[in-house]
């Protein structure tokens, strides 16, 4: 009888997981339109390293800037061009496990990678449809193994590589069926090793194994909860998937299988409002969430106001009855 009760409690707790999902409150911001240090011309993506240095791709300024956690300017690198360390509208941005910074150099159709202070280390890619070539890559993700996954936007596929650019595989083609894409804009790994892709033109999120086997999807065109108008970027924290949207100018968040948990933002220029948010990033404890607020040329950050309790395991529940 006790075993039946334990199982019933476990099932109830599992069903109640994220019954009180986190909520976010505006905390601060930095950035104005311009070319000076700490100014932006359309910030696109964000990435935090373990020291909580925040890196930002500054799209129309053709550079990467980096800041303290509350926006004090620390440094920058890059300028317009196609040479090493130069960019033509950088977008995707990730910190590798070894601390190196990878950047999707969109209109140069390549990836570049750097030290944490911006010293050039290497690059790969050229314009085309072949293995290892790109058509305006916009997003990237890095696995715990160091493998680099690239949302090859114009080729409607995901490609993946070693950390130095040796081609390993790809999947996807133009279309709206499972495993097909219309302009994938970003990718992000969950802790379980599955890869989530913002399928921008199909107004949905799809997720896959690390080798590209289709696992699931959610989303359709619209403005309601769980619908999208141009999902642009995906970030994941402790089993919650955060999705920024261009045309709805908001951030929605979901369980790993797409159940709606909440949203914040909306069109505007005031605190906590967005115009084409392009990137989302969270601290490792989830207590602060950053958004690249594109047309508003700023970074905004939010604090979690009711911490989430993760579901208890069956083992933890059994321990209560010993």
C-alpha atoms as a PDB file:
ATOM      1  CA  UNK A   1       0.000   0.000   0.000  1.00  0.00           C
ATOM      2  CA  UNK A   2       2.867   2.353   0.883  1.00  0.00           C
ATOM      3  CA  UNK A   3       4.472   1.699  -2.518  1.00  0.00           C
ATOM      4  CA  UNK A   4       1.228   2.629  -4.307  1.00  0.00           C
ATOM      5  CA  UNK A   5       1.050   5.851  -2.291  1.00  0.00           C
ATOM      6  CA  UNK A   6       4.662   6.751  -3.107  1.00  0.00           C
ATOM      7  CA  UNK A   7       4.085   6.211  -6.826  1.00  0.00           C
ATOM      8  CA  UNK A   8       0.916   8.314  -6.689  1.00  0.00           C
ATOM      9  CA  UNK A   9       2.790  11.152  -4.972  1.00  0.00           C
ATOM     10  CA  UNK A  10       5.601  10.922  -7.514  1.00  0.00           C
ATOM     11  CA  UNK A  11       3.133  11.110 -10.393  1.00  0.00           C
ATOM     12  CA  UNK A  12       1.384  14.099  -8.854  1.00  0.00           C
ATOM     13  CA  UNK A  13       4.652  15.959  -8.350  1.00  0.00           C
ATOM     14  CA  UNK A  14       5.781  15.191 -11.880  1.00  0.00           C
ATOM     15  CA  UNK A  15       2.494  16.518 -13.245  1.00  0.00           C
ATOM     16  CA  UNK A  16       2.922  19.636 -11.123  1.00  0.00           C
ATOM     17  CA  UNK A  17       6.433  20.333 -12.423  1.00  0.00           C
ATOM     18  CA  UNK A  18       6.649  24.005 -13.369  1.00  0.00           C
ATOM     19  CA  UNK A  19       3.132  24.528 -11.936  1.00  0.00           C
ATOM     20  CA  UNK A  20       4.601  27.793 -10.648  1.00  0.00           C
ATOM     21  CA  UNK A  21       7.008  28.732 -13.440  1.00  0.00           C
ATOM     22  CA  UNK A  22       9.425  31.616 -12.932  1.00  0.00           C
ATOM     23  CA  UNK A  23       8.324  35.184 -13.479  1.00  0.00           C
ATOM     24  CA  UNK A  24      10.600  38.034 -14.568  1.00  0.00           C
ATOM     25  CA  UNK A  25      10.759  41.657 -13.532  1.00  0.00           C
ATOM     26  CA  UNK A  26      12.661  44.447 -15.288  1.00  0.00           C
ATOM     27  CA  UNK A  27      15.950  45.214 -13.523  1.00  0.00           C
ATOM     28  CA  UNK A  28      18.101  47.392 -15.786  1.00  0.00           C
ATOM     29  CA  UNK A  29      19.527  48.148 -19.216  1.00  0.00           C
ATOM     30  CA  UNK A  30      22.380  49.713 -21.127  1.00  0.00           C
ATOM     31  CA  UNK A  31      23.059  50.909 -24.645  1.00  0.00           C
ATOM     32  CA  UNK A  32      21.907  53.626 -27.037  1.00  0.00           C
ATOM     33  CA  UNK A  33      22.181  53.912 -30.831  1.00  0.00           C
ATOM     34  CA  UNK A  34      25.710  54.751 -31.962  1.00  0.00           C
ATOM     35  CA  UNK A  35      29.253  53.620 -32.643  1.00  0.00           C
ATOM     36  CA  UNK A  36      30.978  54.525 -29.358  1.00  0.00           C
ATOM     37  CA  UNK A  37      31.971  51.979 -26.719  1.00  0.00           C
ATOM     38  CA  UNK A  38      28.817  50.592 -25.121  1.00  0.00           C
ATOM     39  CA  UNK A  39      26.576  51.822 -27.917  1.00  0.00           C
ATOM     40  CA  UNK A  40      24.983  49.525 -30.486  1.00  0.00           C
ATOM     41  CA  UNK A  41      23.650  49.450 -33.980  1.00  0.00           C
ATOM     42  CA  UNK A  42      21.347  46.458 -33.686  1.00  0.00           C
ATOM     43  CA  UNK A  43      22.653  44.029 -31.061  1.00  0.00           C
ATOM     44  CA  UNK A  44      21.884  40.468 -32.085  1.00  0.00           C
ATOM     45  CA  UNK A  45      23.171  37.710 -29.789  1.00  0.00           C
ATOM     46  CA  UNK A  46      24.443  37.369 -26.229  1.00  0.00           C
ATOM     47  CA  UNK A  47      26.767  34.895 -24.512  1.00  0.00           C
ATOM     48  CA  UNK A  48      27.981  34.649 -20.908  1.00  0.00           C
ATOM     49  CA  UNK A  49      31.215  33.030 -19.792  1.00  0.00           C
ATOM     50  CA  UNK A  50      31.604  31.445 -16.312  1.00  0.00           C
ATOM     51  CA  UNK A  51      32.937  34.769 -14.942  1.00  0.00           C
ATOM     52  CA  UNK A  52      29.649  36.383 -16.100  1.00  0.00           C
ATOM     53  CA  UNK A  53      31.300  38.514 -18.726  1.00  0.00           C
ATOM     54  CA  UNK A  54      28.573  39.218 -21.286  1.00  0.00           C
ATOM     55  CA  UNK A  55      29.527  39.196 -24.983  1.00  0.00           C
ATOM     56  CA  UNK A  56      27.269  40.948 -27.533  1.00  0.00           C
ATOM     57  CA  UNK A  57      27.392  40.809 -31.334  1.00  0.00           C
ATOM     58  CA  UNK A  58      26.878  44.377 -32.567  1.00  0.00           C
ATOM     59  CA  UNK A  59      25.451  43.624 -36.022  1.00  0.00           C
ATOM     60  CA  UNK A  60      25.676  46.886 -37.985  1.00  0.00           C
ATOM     61  CA  UNK A  61      28.845  47.987 -36.209  1.00  0.00           C
ATOM     62  CA  UNK A  62      30.512  44.737 -37.370  1.00  0.00           C
ATOM     63  CA  UNK A  63      32.022  43.975 -33.982  1.00  0.00           C
ATOM     64  CA  UNK A  64      31.770  42.105 -30.690  1.00  0.00           C
ATOM     65  CA  UNK A  65      31.604  44.061 -27.432  1.00  0.00           C
ATOM     66  CA  UNK A  66      31.852  42.654 -23.922  1.00  0.00           C
ATOM     67  CA  UNK A  67      30.682  43.933 -20.549  1.00  0.00           C
ATOM     68  CA  UNK A  68      30.316  43.214 -16.866  1.00  0.00           C
ATOM     69  CA  UNK A  69      27.059  41.620 -15.757  1.00  0.00           C
ATOM     70  CA  UNK A  70      25.461  45.038 -15.299  1.00  0.00           C
ATOM     71  CA  UNK A  71      26.778  46.679 -18.450  1.00  0.00           C
ATOM     72  CA  UNK A  72      30.128  48.292 -17.678  1.00  0.00           C
ATOM     73  CA  UNK A  73      32.179  48.265 -20.884  1.00  0.00           C
ATOM     74  CA  UNK A  74      35.216  45.948 -20.821  1.00  0.00           C
ATOM     75  CA  UNK A  75      36.384  45.652 -24.424  1.00  0.00           C
ATOM     76  CA  UNK A  76      35.620  45.042 -28.078  1.00  0.00           C
ATOM     77  CA  UNK A  77      37.038  43.675 -31.299  1.00  0.00           C
ATOM     78  CA  UNK A  78      36.174  43.653 -34.991  1.00  0.00           C
ATOM     79  CA  UNK A  79      35.485  46.079 -37.814  1.00  0.00           C
ATOM     80  CA  UNK A  80      33.853  45.908 -41.245  1.00  0.00           C
ATOM     81  CA  UNK A  81      35.682  43.643 -43.679  1.00  0.00           C
ATOM     82  CA  UNK A  82      36.508  40.067 -44.641  1.00  0.00           C
ATOM     83  CA  UNK A  83      39.973  39.679 -43.113  1.00  0.00           C
ATOM     84  CA  UNK A  84      40.781  37.693 -39.997  1.00  0.00           C
ATOM     85  CA  UNK A  85      38.944  39.221 -37.054  1.00  0.00           C
ATOM     86  CA  UNK A  86      36.809  41.409 -39.295  1.00  0.00           C
ATOM     87  CA  UNK A  87      33.074  40.907 -39.763  1.00  0.00           C
ATOM     88  CA  UNK A  88      30.231  41.562 -42.134  1.00  0.00           C
ATOM     89  CA  UNK A  89      27.221  41.608 -39.814  1.00  0.00           C
ATOM     90  CA  UNK A  90      28.106  39.125 -37.045  1.00  0.00           C
ATOM     91  CA  UNK A  91      25.170  37.281 -35.498  1.00  0.00           C
ATOM     92  CA  UNK A  92      25.470  33.906 -33.703  1.00  0.00           C
ATOM     93  CA  UNK A  93      27.693  33.920 -30.629  1.00  0.00           C
ATOM     94  CA  UNK A  94      28.708  31.180 -28.194  1.00  0.00           C
ATOM     95  CA  UNK A  95      31.304  30.534 -25.497  1.00  0.00           C
ATOM     96  CA  UNK A  96      32.969  27.126 -25.905  1.00  0.00           C
ATOM     97  CA  UNK A  97      33.768  24.874 -22.915  1.00  0.00           C
ATOM     98  CA  UNK A  98      37.424  25.953 -23.193  1.00  0.00           C
ATOM     99  CA  UNK A  99      36.445  29.652 -23.047  1.00  0.00           C
ATOM    100  CA  UNK A 100      36.967  30.486 -26.715  1.00  0.00           C
ATOM    101  CA  UNK A 101      34.374  32.689 -28.414  1.00  0.00           C
ATOM    102  CA  UNK A 102      32.728  31.520 -31.664  1.00  0.00           C
ATOM    103  CA  UNK A 103      30.986  34.009 -33.953  1.00  0.00           C
ATOM    104  CA  UNK A 104      28.745  33.399 -36.988  1.00  0.00           C
ATOM    105  CA  UNK A 105      29.977  35.972 -39.515  1.00  0.00           C
ATOM    106  CA  UNK A 106      26.726  36.176 -41.467  1.00  0.00           C
ATOM    107  CA  UNK A 107      27.492  37.945 -44.742  1.00  0.00           C
ATOM    108  CA  UNK A 108      31.051  36.611 -44.928  1.00  0.00           C
ATOM    109  CA  UNK A 109      29.438  33.126 -44.869  1.00  0.00           C
ATOM    110  CA  UNK A 110      31.829  31.731 -42.281  1.00  0.00           C
ATOM    111  CA  UNK A 111      32.570  31.104 -38.619  1.00  0.00           C
ATOM    112  CA  UNK A 112      35.421  32.701 -36.737  1.00  0.00           C
ATOM    113  CA  UNK A 113      36.707  31.921 -33.254  1.00  0.00           C
ATOM    114  CA  UNK A 114      38.741  33.915 -30.764  1.00  0.00           C
ATOM    115  CA  UNK A 115      40.193  33.999 -27.279  1.00  0.00           C
ATOM    116  CA  UNK A 116      38.028  35.499 -24.565  1.00  0.00           C
ATOM    117  CA  UNK A 117      39.762  38.859 -25.172  1.00  0.00           C
ATOM    118  CA  UNK A 118      39.200  38.755 -28.939  1.00  0.00           C
ATOM    119  CA  UNK A 119      42.502  37.475 -30.320  1.00  0.00           C
ATOM    120  CA  UNK A 120      41.873  35.670 -33.611  1.00  0.00           C
ATOM    121  CA  UNK A 121      42.356  31.879 -33.498  1.00  0.00           C
ATOM    122  CA  UNK A 122      40.782  30.475 -36.643  1.00  0.00           C
ATOM    123  CA  UNK A 123      37.946  30.393 -39.160  1.00  0.00           C
ATOM    124  CA  UNK A 124      36.169  28.171 -41.649  1.00  0.00           C
ATOM    125  CA  UNK A 125      33.482  28.376 -44.315  1.00  0.00           C
ATOM    126  CA  UNK A 126      32.745  30.050 -47.635  1.00  0.00           C
ATOM    127  CA  UNK A 127      29.627  30.858 -49.621  1.00  0.00           C
ATOM    128  CA  UNK A 128      27.957  27.822 -51.174  1.00  0.00           C
ATOM    129  CA  UNK A 129      25.812  24.745 -50.683  1.00  0.00           C
ATOM    130  CA  UNK A 130      28.491  22.108 -50.218  1.00  0.00           C
ATOM    131  CA  UNK A 131      29.530  20.419 -46.986  1.00  0.00           C
ATOM    132  CA  UNK A 132      31.182  23.041 -44.798  1.00  0.00           C
ATOM    133  CA  UNK A 133      29.930  25.945 -46.894  1.00  0.00           C
ATOM    134  CA  UNK A 134      27.269  28.405 -45.738  1.00  0.00           C
ATOM    135  CA  UNK A 135      24.584  30.766 -46.962  1.00  0.00           C
ATOM    136  CA  UNK A 136      24.292  33.501 -44.329  1.00  0.00           C
ATOM    137  CA  UNK A 137      24.741  31.467 -41.134  1.00  0.00           C
ATOM    138  CA  UNK A 138      22.864  33.210 -38.327  1.00  0.00           C
ATOM    139  CA  UNK A 139      23.021  30.907 -35.298  1.00  0.00           C
ATOM    140  CA  UNK A 140      25.285  28.383 -33.635  1.00  0.00           C
ATOM    141  CA  UNK A 141      25.446  26.086 -30.626  1.00  0.00           C
ATOM    142  CA  UNK A 142      28.344  24.292 -28.973  1.00  0.00           C
ATOM    143  CA  UNK A 143      27.990  20.854 -27.431  1.00  0.00           C
ATOM    144  CA  UNK A 144      29.707  19.843 -24.192  1.00  0.00           C
ATOM    145  CA  UNK A 145      32.127  17.873 -26.387  1.00  0.00           C
ATOM    146  CA  UNK A 146      33.188  21.081 -28.151  1.00  0.00           C
ATOM    147  CA  UNK A 147      31.428  20.213 -31.410  1.00  0.00           C
ATOM    148  CA  UNK A 148      30.041  23.286 -33.171  1.00  0.00           C
ATOM    149  CA  UNK A 149      26.517  23.207 -34.642  1.00  0.00           C
ATOM    150  CA  UNK A 150      25.595  25.931 -37.135  1.00  0.00           C
ATOM    151  CA  UNK A 151      22.143  27.111 -38.205  1.00  0.00           C
ATOM    152  CA  UNK A 152      22.961  27.477 -41.905  1.00  0.00           C
ATOM    153  CA  UNK A 153      20.070  29.828 -42.476  1.00  0.00           C
ATOM    154  CA  UNK A 154      20.033  30.348 -46.232  1.00  0.00           C
ATOM    155  CA  UNK A 155      20.673  26.653 -46.904  1.00  0.00           C
ATOM    156  CA  UNK A 156      17.825  25.635 -44.548  1.00  0.00           C
ATOM    157  CA  UNK A 157      19.892  23.099 -42.643  1.00  0.00           C
ATOM    158  CA  UNK A 158      22.043  22.441 -39.586  1.00  0.00           C
ATOM    159  CA  UNK A 159      25.691  21.509 -40.049  1.00  0.00           C
ATOM    160  CA  UNK A 160      28.095  20.360 -37.361  1.00  0.00           C
ATOM    161  CA  UNK A 161      31.868  20.385 -37.046  1.00  0.00           C
ATOM    162  CA  UNK A 162      34.814  19.764 -34.779  1.00  0.00           C
ATOM    163  CA  UNK A 163      35.945  22.739 -32.728  1.00  0.00           C
ATOM    164  CA  UNK A 164      38.403  23.694 -35.486  1.00  0.00           C
ATOM    165  CA  UNK A 165      35.967  23.350 -38.374  1.00  0.00           C
ATOM    166  CA  UNK A 166      36.315  19.815 -39.733  1.00  0.00           C
ATOM    167  CA  UNK A 167      32.948  18.823 -41.214  1.00  0.00           C
ATOM    168  CA  UNK A 168      31.117  16.012 -39.382  1.00  0.00           C
ATOM    169  CA  UNK A 169      27.558  16.002 -40.719  1.00  0.00           C
ATOM    170  CA  UNK A 170      24.361  17.883 -41.515  1.00  0.00           C
ATOM    171  CA  UNK A 171      20.606  17.541 -41.717  1.00  0.00           C
ATOM    172  CA  UNK A 172      17.629  19.483 -43.032  1.00  0.00           C
ATOM    173  CA  UNK A 173      16.401  21.000 -46.279  1.00  0.00           C
ATOM    174  CA  UNK A 174      13.887  23.651 -47.317  1.00  0.00           C
ATOM    175  CA  UNK A 175      10.319  22.796 -46.315  1.00  0.00           C
ATOM    176  CA  UNK A 176       7.799  22.589 -43.500  1.00  0.00           C
ATOM    177  CA  UNK A 177       7.733  18.868 -42.720  1.00  0.00           C
ATOM    178  CA  UNK A 178       9.375  17.338 -39.657  1.00  0.00           C
ATOM    179  CA  UNK A 179      13.130  17.917 -39.838  1.00  0.00           C
ATOM    180  CA  UNK A 180      12.839  20.508 -42.607  1.00  0.00           C
ATOM    181  CA  UNK A 181      13.441  24.229 -42.114  1.00  0.00           C
ATOM    182  CA  UNK A 182      12.598  27.619 -43.509  1.00  0.00           C
ATOM    183  CA  UNK A 183      15.510  29.844 -42.443  1.00  0.00           C
ATOM    184  CA  UNK A 184      16.638  28.329 -39.123  1.00  0.00           C
ATOM    185  CA  UNK A 185      17.904  31.219 -36.983  1.00  0.00           C
ATOM    186  CA  UNK A 186      19.428  29.667 -33.884  1.00  0.00           C
ATOM    187  CA  UNK A 187      20.220  26.443 -32.067  1.00  0.00           C
ATOM    188  CA  UNK A 188      20.771  25.550 -28.418  1.00  0.00           C
ATOM    189  CA  UNK A 189      21.557  22.397 -26.449  1.00  0.00           C
ATOM    190  CA  UNK A 190      19.554  21.214 -23.463  1.00  0.00           C
ATOM    191  CA  UNK A 191      21.291  19.441 -20.586  1.00  0.00           C
ATOM    192  CA  UNK A 192      19.979  16.109 -21.909  1.00  0.00           C
ATOM    193  CA  UNK A 193      21.984  16.581 -25.133  1.00  0.00           C
ATOM    194  CA  UNK A 194      19.056  17.362 -27.430  1.00  0.00           C
ATOM    195  CA  UNK A 195      19.352  20.296 -29.826  1.00  0.00           C
ATOM    196  CA  UNK A 196      16.576  22.899 -30.116  1.00  0.00           C
ATOM    197  CA  UNK A 197      16.301  24.949 -33.314  1.00  0.00           C
ATOM    198  CA  UNK A 198      14.341  28.173 -33.889  1.00  0.00           C
ATOM    199  CA  UNK A 199      12.710  27.490 -37.276  1.00  0.00           C
ATOM    200  CA  UNK A 200      12.111  31.157 -38.079  1.00  0.00           C
ATOM    201  CA  UNK A 201      10.155  30.978 -41.336  1.00  0.00           C
ATOM    202  CA  UNK A 202       7.979  28.076 -40.176  1.00  0.00           C
ATOM    203  CA  UNK A 203       7.150  29.888 -36.893  1.00  0.00           C
ATOM    204  CA  UNK A 204       8.023  26.941 -34.710  1.00  0.00           C
ATOM    205  CA  UNK A 205      10.694  25.249 -32.594  1.00  0.00           C
ATOM    206  CA  UNK A 206      11.961  21.792 -33.519  1.00  0.00           C
ATOM    207  CA  UNK A 207      14.225  19.558 -31.456  1.00  0.00           C
ATOM    208  CA  UNK A 208      16.544  16.716 -32.375  1.00  0.00           C
ATOM    209  CA  UNK A 209      19.191  14.343 -31.125  1.00  0.00           C
ATOM    210  CA  UNK A 210      22.753  15.585 -31.558  1.00  0.00           C
ATOM    211  CA  UNK A 211      22.953  13.505 -34.761  1.00  0.00           C
ATOM    212  CA  UNK A 212      19.819  15.118 -36.224  1.00  0.00           C
ATOM    213  CA  UNK A 213      17.071  12.589 -35.543  1.00  0.00           C
ATOM    214  CA  UNK A 214      13.752  14.416 -35.226  1.00  0.00           C
ATOM    215  CA  UNK A 215      12.191  14.284 -31.747  1.00  0.00           C
ATOM    216  CA  UNK A 216       9.428  16.871 -31.668  1.00  0.00           C
ATOM    217  CA  UNK A 217       8.170  20.368 -32.442  1.00  0.00           C
ATOM    218  CA  UNK A 218       5.722  23.051 -31.355  1.00  0.00           C
ATOM    219  CA  UNK A 219       4.399  26.387 -32.567  1.00  0.00           C
ATOM    220  CA  UNK A 220       2.366  27.914 -35.388  1.00  0.00           C
ATOM    221  CA  UNK A 221       1.889  31.393 -36.823  1.00  0.00           C
ATOM    222  CA  UNK A 222       0.015  33.764 -34.532  1.00  0.00           C
ATOM    223  CA  UNK A 223       0.055  35.981 -31.464  1.00  0.00           C
ATOM    224  CA  UNK A 224      -1.451  33.668 -28.850  1.00  0.00           C
ATOM    225  CA  UNK A 225       0.393  31.689 -26.168  1.00  0.00           C
ATOM    226  CA  UNK A 226       2.634  29.110 -27.824  1.00  0.00           C
ATOM    227  CA  UNK A 227       2.313  30.751 -31.234  1.00  0.00           C
ATOM    228  CA  UNK A 228       5.105  32.656 -32.957  1.00  0.00           C
ATOM    229  CA  UNK A 229       5.756  35.355 -35.503  1.00  0.00           C
ATOM    230  CA  UNK A 230       9.403  34.862 -36.351  1.00  0.00           C
ATOM    231  CA  UNK A 231      11.010  32.889 -33.492  1.00  0.00           C
ATOM    232  CA  UNK A 232      14.550  34.173 -33.568  1.00  0.00           C
ATOM    233  CA  UNK A 233      16.571  32.733 -30.712  1.00  0.00           C
ATOM    234  CA  UNK A 234      16.407  29.854 -28.238  1.00  0.00           C
ATOM    235  CA  UNK A 235      18.008  29.705 -24.788  1.00  0.00           C
ATOM    236  CA  UNK A 236      17.602  26.897 -22.245  1.00  0.00           C
ATOM    237  CA  UNK A 237      17.907  26.901 -18.462  1.00  0.00           C
ATOM    238  CA  UNK A 238      17.089  23.905 -16.254  1.00  0.00           C
ATOM    239  CA  UNK A 239      14.491  22.413 -18.532  1.00  0.00           C
ATOM    240  CA  UNK A 240      12.896  25.697 -19.598  1.00  0.00           C
ATOM    241  CA  UNK A 241      13.116  26.792 -23.245  1.00  0.00           C
ATOM    242  CA  UNK A 242      13.098  30.571 -23.823  1.00  0.00           C
ATOM    243  CA  UNK A 243      12.220  31.866 -27.289  1.00  0.00           C
ATOM    244  CA  UNK A 244      12.542  35.477 -28.477  1.00  0.00           C
ATOM    245  CA  UNK A 245      10.278  36.625 -31.322  1.00  0.00           C
ATOM    246  CA  UNK A 246      10.893  39.337 -33.884  1.00  0.00           C
ATOM    247  CA  UNK A 247       7.390  40.374 -34.851  1.00  0.00           C
ATOM    248  CA  UNK A 248       5.644  39.747 -31.534  1.00  0.00           C
ATOM    249  CA  UNK A 249       8.503  41.534 -29.705  1.00  0.00           C
ATOM    250  CA  UNK A 250       8.335  39.279 -26.680  1.00  0.00           C
ATOM    251  CA  UNK A 251       9.972  36.318 -24.956  1.00  0.00           C
ATOM    252  CA  UNK A 252       7.938  33.163 -24.369  1.00  0.00           C
ATOM    253  CA  UNK A 253       9.064  30.151 -22.359  1.00  0.00           C
ATOM    254  CA  UNK A 254       8.116  26.493 -22.372  1.00  0.00           C
ATOM    255  CA  UNK A 255       8.895  23.034 -21.042  1.00  0.00           C
ATOM    256  CA  UNK A 256      11.318  20.914 -23.061  1.00  0.00           C
ATOM    257  CA  UNK A 257       8.386  19.389 -24.930  1.00  0.00           C
ATOM    258  CA  UNK A 258       6.678  22.700 -25.706  1.00  0.00           C
ATOM    259  CA  UNK A 259       4.106  23.191 -22.948  1.00  0.00           C
ATOM    260  CA  UNK A 260       3.559  26.930 -22.488  1.00  0.00           C
ATOM    261  CA  UNK A 261       4.819  28.409 -19.195  1.00  0.00           C
ATOM    262  CA  UNK A 262       4.753  32.174 -19.616  1.00  0.00           C
ATOM    263  CA  UNK A 263       5.786  35.290 -21.543  1.00  0.00           C
ATOM    264  CA  UNK A 264       6.936  38.858 -21.031  1.00  0.00           C
ATOM    265  CA  UNK A 265       7.636  41.934 -23.133  1.00  0.00           C
ATOM    266  CA  UNK A 266       5.660  43.290 -26.053  1.00  0.00           C
ATOM    267  CA  UNK A 267       6.238  46.040 -28.619  1.00  0.00           C
ATOM    268  CA  UNK A 268       7.558  49.362 -27.366  1.00  0.00           C
ATOM    269  CA  UNK A 269      10.509  51.405 -26.160  1.00  0.00           C
ATOM    270  CA  UNK A 270       9.808  51.553 -22.429  1.00  0.00           C
ATOM    271  CA  UNK A 271      11.433  49.456 -19.731  1.00  0.00           C
ATOM    272  CA  UNK A 272      10.680  45.789 -20.329  1.00  0.00           C
ATOM    273  CA  UNK A 273       9.355  46.380 -23.852  1.00  0.00           C
ATOM    274  CA  UNK A 274      11.121  45.309 -27.044  1.00  0.00           C
ATOM    275  CA  UNK A 275      11.487  46.010 -30.737  1.00  0.00           C
ATOM    276  CA  UNK A 276      12.683  42.836 -32.477  1.00  0.00           C
ATOM    277  CA  UNK A 277      14.431  41.075 -29.593  1.00  0.00           C
ATOM    278  CA  UNK A 278      17.225  38.975 -31.093  1.00  0.00           C
ATOM    279  CA  UNK A 279      18.865  37.056 -28.301  1.00  0.00           C
ATOM    280  CA  UNK A 280      18.251  35.667 -24.820  1.00  0.00           C
ATOM    281  CA  UNK A 281      20.830  34.571 -22.242  1.00  0.00           C
ATOM    282  CA  UNK A 282      20.577  33.491 -18.600  1.00  0.00           C
ATOM    283  CA  UNK A 283      23.027  33.288 -15.746  1.00  0.00           C
ATOM    284  CA  UNK A 284      23.811  29.760 -14.591  1.00  0.00           C
ATOM    285  CA  UNK A 285      21.549  30.148 -11.551  1.00  0.00           C
ATOM    286  CA  UNK A 286      18.710  31.539 -13.668  1.00  0.00           C
ATOM    287  CA  UNK A 287      18.287  34.584 -11.452  1.00  0.00           C
ATOM    288  CA  UNK A 288      19.056  37.061 -14.233  1.00  0.00           C
ATOM    289  CA  UNK A 289      17.899  36.983 -17.861  1.00  0.00           C
ATOM    290  CA  UNK A 290      19.341  39.207 -20.611  1.00  0.00           C
ATOM    291  CA  UNK A 291      17.660  40.216 -23.880  1.00  0.00           C
ATOM    292  CA  UNK A 292      19.309  41.801 -26.940  1.00  0.00           C
ATOM    293  CA  UNK A 293      16.726  44.448 -27.835  1.00  0.00           C
ATOM    294  CA  UNK A 294      17.612  44.937 -31.509  1.00  0.00           C
ATOM    295  CA  UNK A 295      15.897  48.030 -32.929  1.00  0.00           C
ATOM    296  CA  UNK A 296      16.026  49.714 -29.508  1.00  0.00           C
ATOM    297  CA  UNK A 297      19.842  49.300 -29.638  1.00  0.00           C
ATOM    298  CA  UNK A 298      20.196  48.149 -26.048  1.00  0.00           C
ATOM    299  CA  UNK A 299      20.538  45.179 -23.736  1.00  0.00           C
ATOM    300  CA  UNK A 300      17.884  44.778 -21.061  1.00  0.00           C
ATOM    301  CA  UNK A 301      18.082  42.474 -18.069  1.00  0.00           C
ATOM    302  CA  UNK A 302      15.435  41.003 -15.811  1.00  0.00           C
ATOM    303  CA  UNK A 303      15.448  39.286 -12.449  1.00  0.00           C
ATOM    304  CA  UNK A 304      13.588  36.136 -11.535  1.00  0.00           C
ATOM    305  CA  UNK A 305      11.059  37.055  -8.882  1.00  0.00           C
ATOM    306  CA  UNK A 306       9.794  33.633  -7.809  1.00  0.00           C
ATOM    307  CA  UNK A 307      12.440  30.897  -7.970  1.00  0.00           C
ATOM    308  CA  UNK A 308      11.323  27.678  -9.595  1.00  0.00           C
ATOM    309  CA  UNK A 309      11.366  24.384  -7.720  1.00  0.00           C
ATOM    310  CA  UNK A 310      12.441  21.497  -9.950  1.00  0.00           C
ATOM    311  CA  UNK A 311      10.425  18.265  -9.673  1.00  0.00           C
ATOM    312  CA  UNK A 312      11.569  15.784  -7.048  1.00  0.00           C
ATOM    313  CA  UNK A 313      12.899  12.423  -8.154  1.00  0.00           C
ATOM    314  CA  UNK A 314      11.247   9.153  -7.144  1.00  0.00           C
ATOM    315  CA  UNK A 315      14.334   8.379  -5.066  1.00  0.00           C
ATOM    316  CA  UNK A 316      13.943  11.624  -3.140  1.00  0.00           C
ATOM    317  CA  UNK A 317      10.288  10.837  -2.479  1.00  0.00           C
ATOM    318  CA  UNK A 318      11.104   7.289  -1.271  1.00  0.00           C
ATOM    319  CA  UNK A 319      13.605   8.764   1.180  1.00  0.00           C
ATOM    320  CA  UNK A 320      10.753  10.608   2.914  1.00  0.00           C
ATOM    321  CA  UNK A 321       9.186   7.299   3.917  1.00  0.00           C
ATOM    322  CA  UNK A 322      12.241   5.447   5.178  1.00  0.00           C
END
